[in-house]
N, C-alpha and C. Protein backbone atom coordinates (compact mmCIF):
# COMPACT_ATOMS: atom_id res chain seq x y z
N UNK A 1 11.33 4.79 20.05
CA UNK A 1 11.38 3.36 20.25
C UNK A 1 10.99 2.65 18.95
N UNK A 2 11.75 1.66 18.59
CA UNK A 2 11.50 0.92 17.37
C UNK A 2 10.26 0.04 17.51
N UNK A 3 9.56 -0.11 16.40
CA UNK A 3 8.42 -1.01 16.36
C UNK A 3 8.95 -2.41 16.10
N UNK A 4 8.44 -3.38 16.81
CA UNK A 4 8.95 -4.73 16.65
C UNK A 4 8.48 -5.35 15.34
N UNK A 5 9.25 -6.30 14.88
CA UNK A 5 8.92 -7.05 13.68
C UNK A 5 7.52 -7.65 13.80
N UNK A 6 7.19 -8.17 14.97
CA UNK A 6 5.86 -8.79 15.14
C UNK A 6 4.75 -7.75 15.00
N UNK A 7 5.00 -6.52 15.42
CA UNK A 7 3.99 -5.46 15.24
C UNK A 7 3.80 -5.13 13.76
N UNK A 8 4.90 -5.11 13.01
CA UNK A 8 4.78 -4.87 11.56
C UNK A 8 4.00 -6.01 10.90
N UNK A 9 4.28 -7.23 11.29
CA UNK A 9 3.53 -8.37 10.75
C UNK A 9 2.05 -8.29 11.11
N UNK A 10 1.76 -7.87 12.33
CA UNK A 10 0.35 -7.68 12.74
C UNK A 10 -0.32 -6.61 11.89
N UNK A 11 0.41 -5.53 11.59
CA UNK A 11 -0.14 -4.48 10.72
C UNK A 11 -0.49 -5.06 9.35
N UNK A 12 0.42 -5.83 8.77
CA UNK A 12 0.16 -6.43 7.46
C UNK A 12 -1.09 -7.30 7.52
N UNK A 13 -1.16 -8.14 8.52
CA UNK A 13 -2.29 -9.07 8.63
C UNK A 13 -3.61 -8.35 8.90
N UNK A 14 -3.60 -7.34 9.76
CA UNK A 14 -4.85 -6.64 10.05
C UNK A 14 -5.31 -5.80 8.86
N UNK A 15 -4.37 -5.16 8.17
CA UNK A 15 -4.73 -4.38 6.98
C UNK A 15 -5.25 -5.32 5.89
N UNK A 16 -4.61 -6.46 5.74
CA UNK A 16 -5.06 -7.46 4.77
C UNK A 16 -6.51 -7.85 5.04
N UNK A 17 -6.79 -8.25 6.25
CA UNK A 17 -8.13 -8.68 6.64
C UNK A 17 -9.14 -7.55 6.41
N UNK A 18 -8.80 -6.36 6.87
CA UNK A 18 -9.72 -5.22 6.78
C UNK A 18 -10.00 -4.83 5.33
N UNK A 19 -8.97 -4.81 4.51
CA UNK A 19 -9.15 -4.42 3.11
C UNK A 19 -10.01 -5.44 2.36
N UNK A 20 -9.73 -6.71 2.56
CA UNK A 20 -10.53 -7.74 1.90
C UNK A 20 -11.99 -7.66 2.36
N UNK A 21 -12.19 -7.41 3.64
CA UNK A 21 -13.55 -7.27 4.18
C UNK A 21 -14.25 -6.05 3.58
N UNK A 22 -13.54 -4.93 3.45
CA UNK A 22 -14.14 -3.73 2.88
C UNK A 22 -14.49 -3.90 1.41
N UNK A 23 -13.71 -4.68 0.68
CA UNK A 23 -13.99 -4.90 -0.74
C UNK A 23 -15.12 -5.90 -0.97
N UNK A 24 -15.44 -6.68 0.03
CA UNK A 24 -16.48 -7.69 -0.10
C UNK A 24 -17.80 -7.06 -0.54
N UNK A 25 -18.37 -7.59 -1.59
CA UNK A 25 -19.65 -7.11 -2.08
C UNK A 25 -19.58 -5.88 -2.97
N UNK A 26 -18.38 -5.41 -3.28
CA UNK A 26 -18.25 -4.20 -4.08
C UNK A 26 -18.11 -4.48 -5.57
N UNK A 27 -18.38 -5.71 -6.00
CA UNK A 27 -18.25 -6.09 -7.41
C UNK A 27 -18.93 -5.08 -8.33
N UNK A 28 -20.13 -4.70 -8.00
CA UNK A 28 -20.96 -3.86 -8.86
C UNK A 28 -20.63 -2.36 -8.77
N UNK A 29 -19.82 -1.99 -7.78
CA UNK A 29 -19.61 -0.55 -7.57
C UNK A 29 -18.13 -0.18 -7.41
N UNK A 30 -17.24 -0.99 -7.96
CA UNK A 30 -15.80 -0.70 -7.85
C UNK A 30 -15.43 0.67 -8.42
N UNK A 31 -16.20 1.11 -9.42
CA UNK A 31 -15.86 2.36 -10.09
C UNK A 31 -16.76 3.53 -9.71
N UNK A 32 -17.65 3.33 -8.75
CA UNK A 32 -18.54 4.39 -8.33
C UNK A 32 -17.77 5.45 -7.55
N UNK A 33 -18.10 6.72 -7.84
CA UNK A 33 -17.50 7.86 -7.14
C UNK A 33 -18.62 8.77 -6.67
N UNK A 34 -18.52 9.31 -5.47
CA UNK A 34 -19.55 10.22 -4.99
C UNK A 34 -19.59 11.53 -5.78
N UNK A 35 -18.45 11.90 -6.39
CA UNK A 35 -18.39 13.05 -7.28
C UNK A 35 -17.18 12.88 -8.19
N UNK A 36 -17.08 13.71 -9.20
CA UNK A 36 -16.04 13.52 -10.23
C UNK A 36 -14.62 13.71 -9.71
N UNK A 37 -14.45 14.44 -8.63
CA UNK A 37 -13.10 14.67 -8.10
C UNK A 37 -12.66 13.57 -7.13
N UNK A 38 -13.58 12.71 -6.73
CA UNK A 38 -13.27 11.66 -5.76
C UNK A 38 -12.68 10.44 -6.46
N UNK A 39 -12.10 9.58 -5.65
CA UNK A 39 -11.58 8.31 -6.15
C UNK A 39 -12.58 7.21 -5.87
N UNK A 40 -12.63 6.26 -6.78
CA UNK A 40 -13.45 5.06 -6.60
C UNK A 40 -12.68 4.04 -5.76
N UNK A 41 -13.35 2.97 -5.39
CA UNK A 41 -12.68 1.88 -4.66
C UNK A 41 -11.52 1.33 -5.49
N UNK A 42 -11.74 1.17 -6.79
CA UNK A 42 -10.68 0.67 -7.68
C UNK A 42 -9.49 1.63 -7.68
N UNK A 43 -9.77 2.93 -7.77
CA UNK A 43 -8.69 3.94 -7.74
C UNK A 43 -7.89 3.83 -6.45
N UNK A 44 -8.58 3.72 -5.34
CA UNK A 44 -7.92 3.65 -4.04
C UNK A 44 -7.03 2.41 -3.94
N UNK A 45 -7.57 1.27 -4.36
CA UNK A 45 -6.80 0.03 -4.27
C UNK A 45 -5.54 0.11 -5.12
N UNK A 46 -5.66 0.56 -6.35
CA UNK A 46 -4.47 0.58 -7.21
C UNK A 46 -3.50 1.69 -6.83
N UNK A 47 -3.99 2.73 -6.19
CA UNK A 47 -3.09 3.71 -5.60
C UNK A 47 -2.22 3.03 -4.55
N UNK A 48 -2.83 2.24 -3.69
CA UNK A 48 -2.09 1.53 -2.64
C UNK A 48 -1.16 0.47 -3.22
N UNK A 49 -1.67 -0.31 -4.15
CA UNK A 49 -0.89 -1.40 -4.73
C UNK A 49 0.39 -0.89 -5.40
N UNK A 50 0.32 0.27 -6.02
CA UNK A 50 1.46 0.74 -6.82
C UNK A 50 2.09 2.02 -6.30
N UNK A 51 1.97 2.29 -5.00
CA UNK A 51 2.68 3.40 -4.38
C UNK A 51 3.55 2.83 -3.27
N UNK A 52 4.84 2.89 -3.48
CA UNK A 52 5.62 3.39 -4.61
C UNK A 52 5.51 2.47 -5.83
N UNK A 53 5.98 2.94 -6.99
CA UNK A 53 5.89 2.11 -8.19
C UNK A 53 6.45 0.70 -7.94
N UNK A 54 5.65 -0.29 -8.32
CA UNK A 54 6.03 -1.68 -8.07
C UNK A 54 5.55 -2.20 -6.74
N UNK A 55 5.10 -1.33 -5.86
CA UNK A 55 4.56 -1.74 -4.57
C UNK A 55 5.53 -1.62 -3.41
N UNK A 56 4.99 -1.38 -2.24
CA UNK A 56 5.79 -1.23 -1.02
C UNK A 56 6.57 -2.51 -0.72
N UNK A 57 6.01 -3.66 -1.08
CA UNK A 57 6.71 -4.92 -0.82
C UNK A 57 8.04 -5.00 -1.56
N UNK A 58 8.07 -4.54 -2.80
CA UNK A 58 9.30 -4.56 -3.58
C UNK A 58 10.35 -3.61 -3.03
N UNK A 59 9.91 -2.46 -2.56
CA UNK A 59 10.83 -1.49 -1.97
C UNK A 59 11.42 -2.04 -0.68
N UNK A 60 10.58 -2.56 0.19
CA UNK A 60 11.08 -3.10 1.46
C UNK A 60 12.03 -4.26 1.20
N UNK A 61 11.67 -5.16 0.29
CA UNK A 61 12.55 -6.29 -0.04
C UNK A 61 13.88 -5.78 -0.60
N UNK A 62 13.82 -4.78 -1.48
CA UNK A 62 15.04 -4.22 -2.05
C UNK A 62 15.94 -3.58 -1.02
N UNK A 63 15.35 -2.87 -0.08
CA UNK A 63 16.14 -2.26 1.00
C UNK A 63 16.77 -3.34 1.87
N UNK A 64 15.99 -4.31 2.27
CA UNK A 64 16.49 -5.35 3.17
C UNK A 64 17.56 -6.21 2.51
N UNK A 65 17.45 -6.43 1.20
CA UNK A 65 18.44 -7.24 0.49
C UNK A 65 19.68 -6.45 0.10
N UNK A 66 19.61 -5.12 0.25
CA UNK A 66 20.73 -4.27 -0.14
C UNK A 66 20.75 -3.96 -1.63
N UNK A 67 19.72 -4.35 -2.36
CA UNK A 67 19.65 -4.12 -3.80
C UNK A 67 19.05 -2.76 -4.18
N UNK A 68 18.44 -2.07 -3.23
CA UNK A 68 17.78 -0.80 -3.53
C UNK A 68 18.37 0.30 -2.66
N UNK A 69 19.02 1.26 -3.29
CA UNK A 69 19.63 2.37 -2.56
C UNK A 69 18.76 3.62 -2.61
N UNK A 70 17.90 3.72 -3.63
CA UNK A 70 17.04 4.89 -3.78
C UNK A 70 15.84 4.52 -4.64
N UNK A 71 14.77 5.31 -4.49
CA UNK A 71 13.59 5.10 -5.32
C UNK A 71 12.78 6.38 -5.40
N UNK A 72 11.98 6.46 -6.47
CA UNK A 72 11.10 7.60 -6.70
C UNK A 72 9.72 7.32 -6.12
N UNK A 73 9.10 8.38 -5.64
CA UNK A 73 7.77 8.28 -5.06
C UNK A 73 6.95 9.46 -5.55
N UNK A 74 5.75 9.17 -6.04
CA UNK A 74 4.80 10.20 -6.44
C UNK A 74 3.55 10.05 -5.60
N UNK A 75 3.04 11.15 -5.12
CA UNK A 75 1.81 11.14 -4.33
C UNK A 75 0.61 11.39 -5.22
N UNK A 76 -0.53 11.00 -4.71
CA UNK A 76 -1.81 11.38 -5.30
C UNK A 76 -2.04 10.86 -6.71
N UNK A 77 -1.50 9.69 -7.01
CA UNK A 77 -1.76 9.04 -8.29
C UNK A 77 -2.62 7.80 -8.05
N UNK A 78 -3.59 7.59 -8.92
CA UNK A 78 -4.41 6.39 -8.75
C UNK A 78 -3.81 5.17 -9.45
N UNK A 79 -2.77 5.38 -10.23
CA UNK A 79 -2.03 4.29 -10.88
C UNK A 79 -2.93 3.40 -11.74
N UNK A 80 -3.94 4.00 -12.33
CA UNK A 80 -4.89 3.25 -13.14
C UNK A 80 -4.30 3.02 -14.53
N UNK A 81 -4.53 1.82 -15.05
CA UNK A 81 -4.14 1.46 -16.41
C UNK A 81 -5.38 0.92 -17.12
N UNK A 82 -5.36 0.88 -18.45
CA UNK A 82 -6.52 0.31 -19.15
C UNK A 82 -6.83 -1.12 -18.69
N UNK A 83 -5.80 -1.92 -18.45
CA UNK A 83 -6.03 -3.30 -17.99
C UNK A 83 -6.70 -3.31 -16.62
N UNK A 84 -6.22 -2.49 -15.72
CA UNK A 84 -6.78 -2.45 -14.37
C UNK A 84 -8.24 -2.00 -14.38
N UNK A 85 -8.59 -1.15 -15.32
CA UNK A 85 -9.98 -0.69 -15.42
C UNK A 85 -10.95 -1.82 -15.73
N UNK A 86 -10.45 -2.90 -16.31
CA UNK A 86 -11.33 -4.01 -16.67
C UNK A 86 -11.27 -5.17 -15.69
N UNK A 87 -10.40 -5.09 -14.70
CA UNK A 87 -10.27 -6.19 -13.74
C UNK A 87 -11.54 -6.37 -12.92
N UNK A 88 -11.93 -7.62 -12.78
CA UNK A 88 -13.03 -7.99 -11.89
C UNK A 88 -12.52 -7.92 -10.45
N UNK A 89 -13.44 -7.93 -9.51
CA UNK A 89 -13.08 -7.81 -8.10
C UNK A 89 -12.08 -8.88 -7.67
N UNK A 90 -12.23 -10.10 -8.16
CA UNK A 90 -11.30 -11.16 -7.76
C UNK A 90 -9.86 -10.83 -8.17
N UNK A 91 -9.67 -10.25 -9.35
CA UNK A 91 -8.32 -9.86 -9.77
C UNK A 91 -7.81 -8.69 -8.94
N UNK A 92 -8.68 -7.77 -8.60
CA UNK A 92 -8.29 -6.65 -7.74
C UNK A 92 -7.79 -7.20 -6.40
N UNK A 93 -8.53 -8.15 -5.84
CA UNK A 93 -8.10 -8.79 -4.59
C UNK A 93 -6.74 -9.46 -4.75
N UNK A 94 -6.56 -10.16 -5.85
CA UNK A 94 -5.28 -10.85 -6.09
C UNK A 94 -4.13 -9.86 -6.18
N UNK A 95 -4.36 -8.71 -6.80
CA UNK A 95 -3.32 -7.69 -6.91
C UNK A 95 -2.93 -7.16 -5.53
N UNK A 96 -3.91 -7.02 -4.65
CA UNK A 96 -3.64 -6.61 -3.27
C UNK A 96 -2.83 -7.69 -2.55
N UNK A 97 -3.22 -8.94 -2.75
CA UNK A 97 -2.54 -10.04 -2.06
C UNK A 97 -1.08 -10.17 -2.48
N UNK A 98 -0.77 -9.87 -3.72
CA UNK A 98 0.63 -9.91 -4.16
C UNK A 98 1.46 -8.97 -3.30
N UNK A 99 0.96 -7.77 -3.08
CA UNK A 99 1.68 -6.78 -2.27
C UNK A 99 1.77 -7.23 -0.82
N UNK A 100 0.64 -7.59 -0.24
CA UNK A 100 0.63 -7.93 1.18
C UNK A 100 1.39 -9.22 1.48
N UNK A 101 1.25 -10.22 0.63
CA UNK A 101 2.01 -11.46 0.82
C UNK A 101 3.51 -11.20 0.65
N UNK A 102 3.86 -10.38 -0.34
CA UNK A 102 5.26 -10.04 -0.54
C UNK A 102 5.84 -9.30 0.64
N UNK A 103 5.06 -8.40 1.21
CA UNK A 103 5.51 -7.64 2.38
C UNK A 103 5.68 -8.57 3.57
N UNK A 104 4.75 -9.47 3.76
CA UNK A 104 4.85 -10.43 4.86
C UNK A 104 6.09 -11.32 4.69
N UNK A 105 6.35 -11.77 3.48
CA UNK A 105 7.54 -12.59 3.22
C UNK A 105 8.82 -11.82 3.52
N UNK A 106 8.87 -10.55 3.11
CA UNK A 106 10.05 -9.72 3.40
C UNK A 106 10.26 -9.57 4.90
N UNK A 107 9.18 -9.34 5.61
CA UNK A 107 9.28 -9.17 7.06
C UNK A 107 9.71 -10.46 7.75
N UNK A 108 9.18 -11.58 7.29
CA UNK A 108 9.54 -12.85 7.90
C UNK A 108 11.03 -13.15 7.78
N UNK A 109 11.65 -12.66 6.71
CA UNK A 109 13.08 -12.91 6.51
C UNK A 109 13.99 -11.85 7.10
N UNK A 110 13.42 -10.84 7.74
CA UNK A 110 14.21 -9.71 8.25
C UNK A 110 14.45 -9.82 9.75
N UNK A 111 15.51 -9.16 10.18
CA UNK A 111 15.77 -9.03 11.61
C UNK A 111 15.32 -7.65 12.06
N UNK A 112 15.16 -7.50 13.37
CA UNK A 112 14.79 -6.19 13.93
C UNK A 112 15.84 -5.15 13.54
N UNK A 113 17.10 -5.55 13.61
CA UNK A 113 18.20 -4.63 13.29
C UNK A 113 18.14 -4.18 11.84
N UNK A 114 17.87 -5.11 10.92
CA UNK A 114 17.77 -4.74 9.51
C UNK A 114 16.64 -3.75 9.28
N UNK A 115 15.51 -3.99 9.90
CA UNK A 115 14.36 -3.10 9.73
C UNK A 115 14.67 -1.69 10.21
N UNK A 116 15.38 -1.58 11.31
CA UNK A 116 15.63 -0.26 11.89
C UNK A 116 16.86 0.44 11.31
N UNK A 117 17.74 -0.30 10.64
CA UNK A 117 18.98 0.32 10.17
C UNK A 117 19.12 0.42 8.66
N UNK A 118 18.59 -0.51 7.91
CA UNK A 118 18.75 -0.46 6.46
C UNK A 118 17.80 0.58 5.88
N UNK A 119 18.33 1.37 4.94
CA UNK A 119 17.53 2.48 4.41
C UNK A 119 17.78 2.69 2.92
N UNK A 120 16.96 3.55 2.35
CA UNK A 120 17.10 3.98 0.96
C UNK A 120 16.72 5.45 0.89
N UNK A 121 17.26 6.13 -0.11
CA UNK A 121 16.92 7.52 -0.36
C UNK A 121 15.60 7.58 -1.12
N UNK A 122 14.65 8.32 -0.58
CA UNK A 122 13.34 8.50 -1.22
C UNK A 122 13.37 9.84 -1.95
N UNK A 123 13.04 9.81 -3.24
CA UNK A 123 12.92 11.04 -4.03
C UNK A 123 11.42 11.28 -4.24
N UNK A 124 10.85 12.17 -3.45
CA UNK A 124 9.43 12.46 -3.54
C UNK A 124 9.25 13.47 -4.66
N UNK A 125 8.89 12.98 -5.83
CA UNK A 125 8.94 13.76 -7.07
C UNK A 125 7.95 14.91 -7.14
N UNK A 126 6.71 14.72 -6.76
CA UNK A 126 5.77 15.83 -6.94
C UNK A 126 5.67 16.72 -5.71
N UNK A 127 6.43 16.44 -4.68
CA UNK A 127 6.47 17.34 -3.52
C UNK A 127 7.86 17.93 -3.33
N UNK A 128 8.82 17.46 -4.13
CA UNK A 128 10.12 18.09 -4.20
C UNK A 128 11.06 17.88 -3.02
N UNK A 129 11.06 16.71 -2.42
CA UNK A 129 12.02 16.47 -1.36
C UNK A 129 12.71 15.12 -1.55
N UNK A 130 13.91 15.03 -1.01
CA UNK A 130 14.70 13.80 -1.00
C UNK A 130 15.10 13.55 0.44
N UNK A 131 14.90 12.31 0.89
CA UNK A 131 15.15 12.02 2.29
C UNK A 131 15.41 10.52 2.47
N UNK A 132 16.42 10.16 3.27
CA UNK A 132 16.63 8.74 3.54
C UNK A 132 15.54 8.22 4.48
N UNK A 133 15.07 7.00 4.21
CA UNK A 133 14.07 6.37 5.06
C UNK A 133 14.48 4.93 5.32
N UNK A 134 14.37 4.52 6.57
CA UNK A 134 14.64 3.12 6.90
C UNK A 134 13.45 2.27 6.48
N UNK A 135 13.69 0.97 6.41
CA UNK A 135 12.59 0.05 6.12
C UNK A 135 11.49 0.24 7.16
N UNK A 136 11.89 0.42 8.41
CA UNK A 136 10.90 0.62 9.47
C UNK A 136 10.09 1.89 9.25
N UNK A 137 10.74 3.00 8.89
CA UNK A 137 10.02 4.24 8.60
C UNK A 137 8.97 4.02 7.52
N UNK A 138 9.36 3.30 6.48
CA UNK A 138 8.44 3.05 5.37
C UNK A 138 7.28 2.15 5.80
N UNK A 139 7.57 1.17 6.63
CA UNK A 139 6.51 0.28 7.12
C UNK A 139 5.51 1.02 7.99
N UNK A 140 5.98 1.97 8.76
CA UNK A 140 5.09 2.74 9.63
C UNK A 140 4.32 3.81 8.87
N UNK A 141 5.00 4.53 7.97
CA UNK A 141 4.37 5.64 7.28
C UNK A 141 3.74 5.27 5.96
N UNK A 142 4.57 4.87 5.01
CA UNK A 142 4.09 4.59 3.66
C UNK A 142 3.20 3.36 3.61
N UNK A 143 3.39 2.46 4.54
CA UNK A 143 2.49 1.30 4.59
C UNK A 143 1.37 1.51 5.61
N UNK A 144 1.64 1.32 6.88
CA UNK A 144 0.57 1.26 7.89
C UNK A 144 -0.29 2.53 7.93
N UNK A 145 0.34 3.68 8.09
CA UNK A 145 -0.45 4.92 8.18
C UNK A 145 -1.18 5.19 6.88
N UNK A 146 -0.46 5.14 5.77
CA UNK A 146 -1.01 5.46 4.46
C UNK A 146 -2.16 4.51 4.09
N UNK A 147 -1.94 3.22 4.24
CA UNK A 147 -2.99 2.26 3.89
C UNK A 147 -4.21 2.43 4.78
N UNK A 148 -4.00 2.69 6.06
CA UNK A 148 -5.16 2.87 6.96
C UNK A 148 -5.96 4.12 6.60
N UNK A 149 -5.28 5.18 6.19
CA UNK A 149 -6.00 6.39 5.75
C UNK A 149 -6.93 6.05 4.59
N UNK A 150 -6.43 5.26 3.65
CA UNK A 150 -7.25 4.92 2.49
C UNK A 150 -8.30 3.85 2.81
N UNK A 151 -8.05 3.03 3.80
CA UNK A 151 -9.11 2.12 4.26
C UNK A 151 -10.30 2.92 4.78
N UNK A 152 -10.00 4.02 5.44
CA UNK A 152 -11.08 4.89 5.93
C UNK A 152 -11.87 5.46 4.76
N UNK A 153 -11.20 5.83 3.68
CA UNK A 153 -11.90 6.31 2.49
C UNK A 153 -12.80 5.22 1.90
N UNK A 154 -12.32 3.98 1.90
CA UNK A 154 -13.15 2.87 1.43
C UNK A 154 -14.39 2.71 2.31
N UNK A 155 -14.21 2.85 3.62
CA UNK A 155 -15.35 2.80 4.54
C UNK A 155 -16.37 3.88 4.19
N UNK A 156 -15.87 5.08 3.93
CA UNK A 156 -16.76 6.19 3.58
C UNK A 156 -17.50 5.92 2.27
N UNK A 157 -16.81 5.33 1.29
CA UNK A 157 -17.48 4.96 0.04
C UNK A 157 -18.60 3.96 0.30
N UNK A 158 -18.31 2.96 1.11
CA UNK A 158 -19.33 1.96 1.44
C UNK A 158 -20.53 2.61 2.12
N UNK A 159 -20.27 3.52 3.04
CA UNK A 159 -21.37 4.22 3.73
C UNK A 159 -22.20 5.03 2.74
N UNK A 160 -21.53 5.73 1.83
CA UNK A 160 -22.25 6.53 0.84
C UNK A 160 -23.11 5.66 -0.07
N UNK A 161 -22.68 4.42 -0.26
CA UNK A 161 -23.44 3.47 -1.08
C UNK A 161 -24.50 2.72 -0.27
N UNK A 162 -24.55 2.98 1.02
CA UNK A 162 -25.51 2.30 1.88
C UNK A 162 -25.15 0.85 2.17
N UNK A 163 -23.87 0.57 2.12
CA UNK A 163 -23.41 -0.82 2.36
C UNK A 163 -23.03 -1.01 3.81
């Protein structure tokens, strides 16, 4: 059964609210890691913002507009750049909002049929598979499921910091 457009919009809004709430008060500890192999809050956020490259909002918009037939996807990258390493919490929040607002705008302009039928070929580069995915598949997996998994990691970081 297809997920309704309103459910996708609710996912965007609830993830938006939850992520902003989790980042609240983390100004001083954006780069803290419980160990060297773990990701910091900054790493997690920029992983989400730029997976897939350019953000999920750009991919969904491209699929819905018919401008994107295929795209590359890499897993397990924090997408950190020297500029991002110096961003204050407010800029980190703004970078998240660009993605979430863009995704909401794409959804507002889409029909249920477009979400369930329009697709692009995903080339998963570091796992070695190619597979067509509908906009809806991407909204459920690469957005909702994936972002919620990393929200849980942010919760764990906050707990480890005693927040």
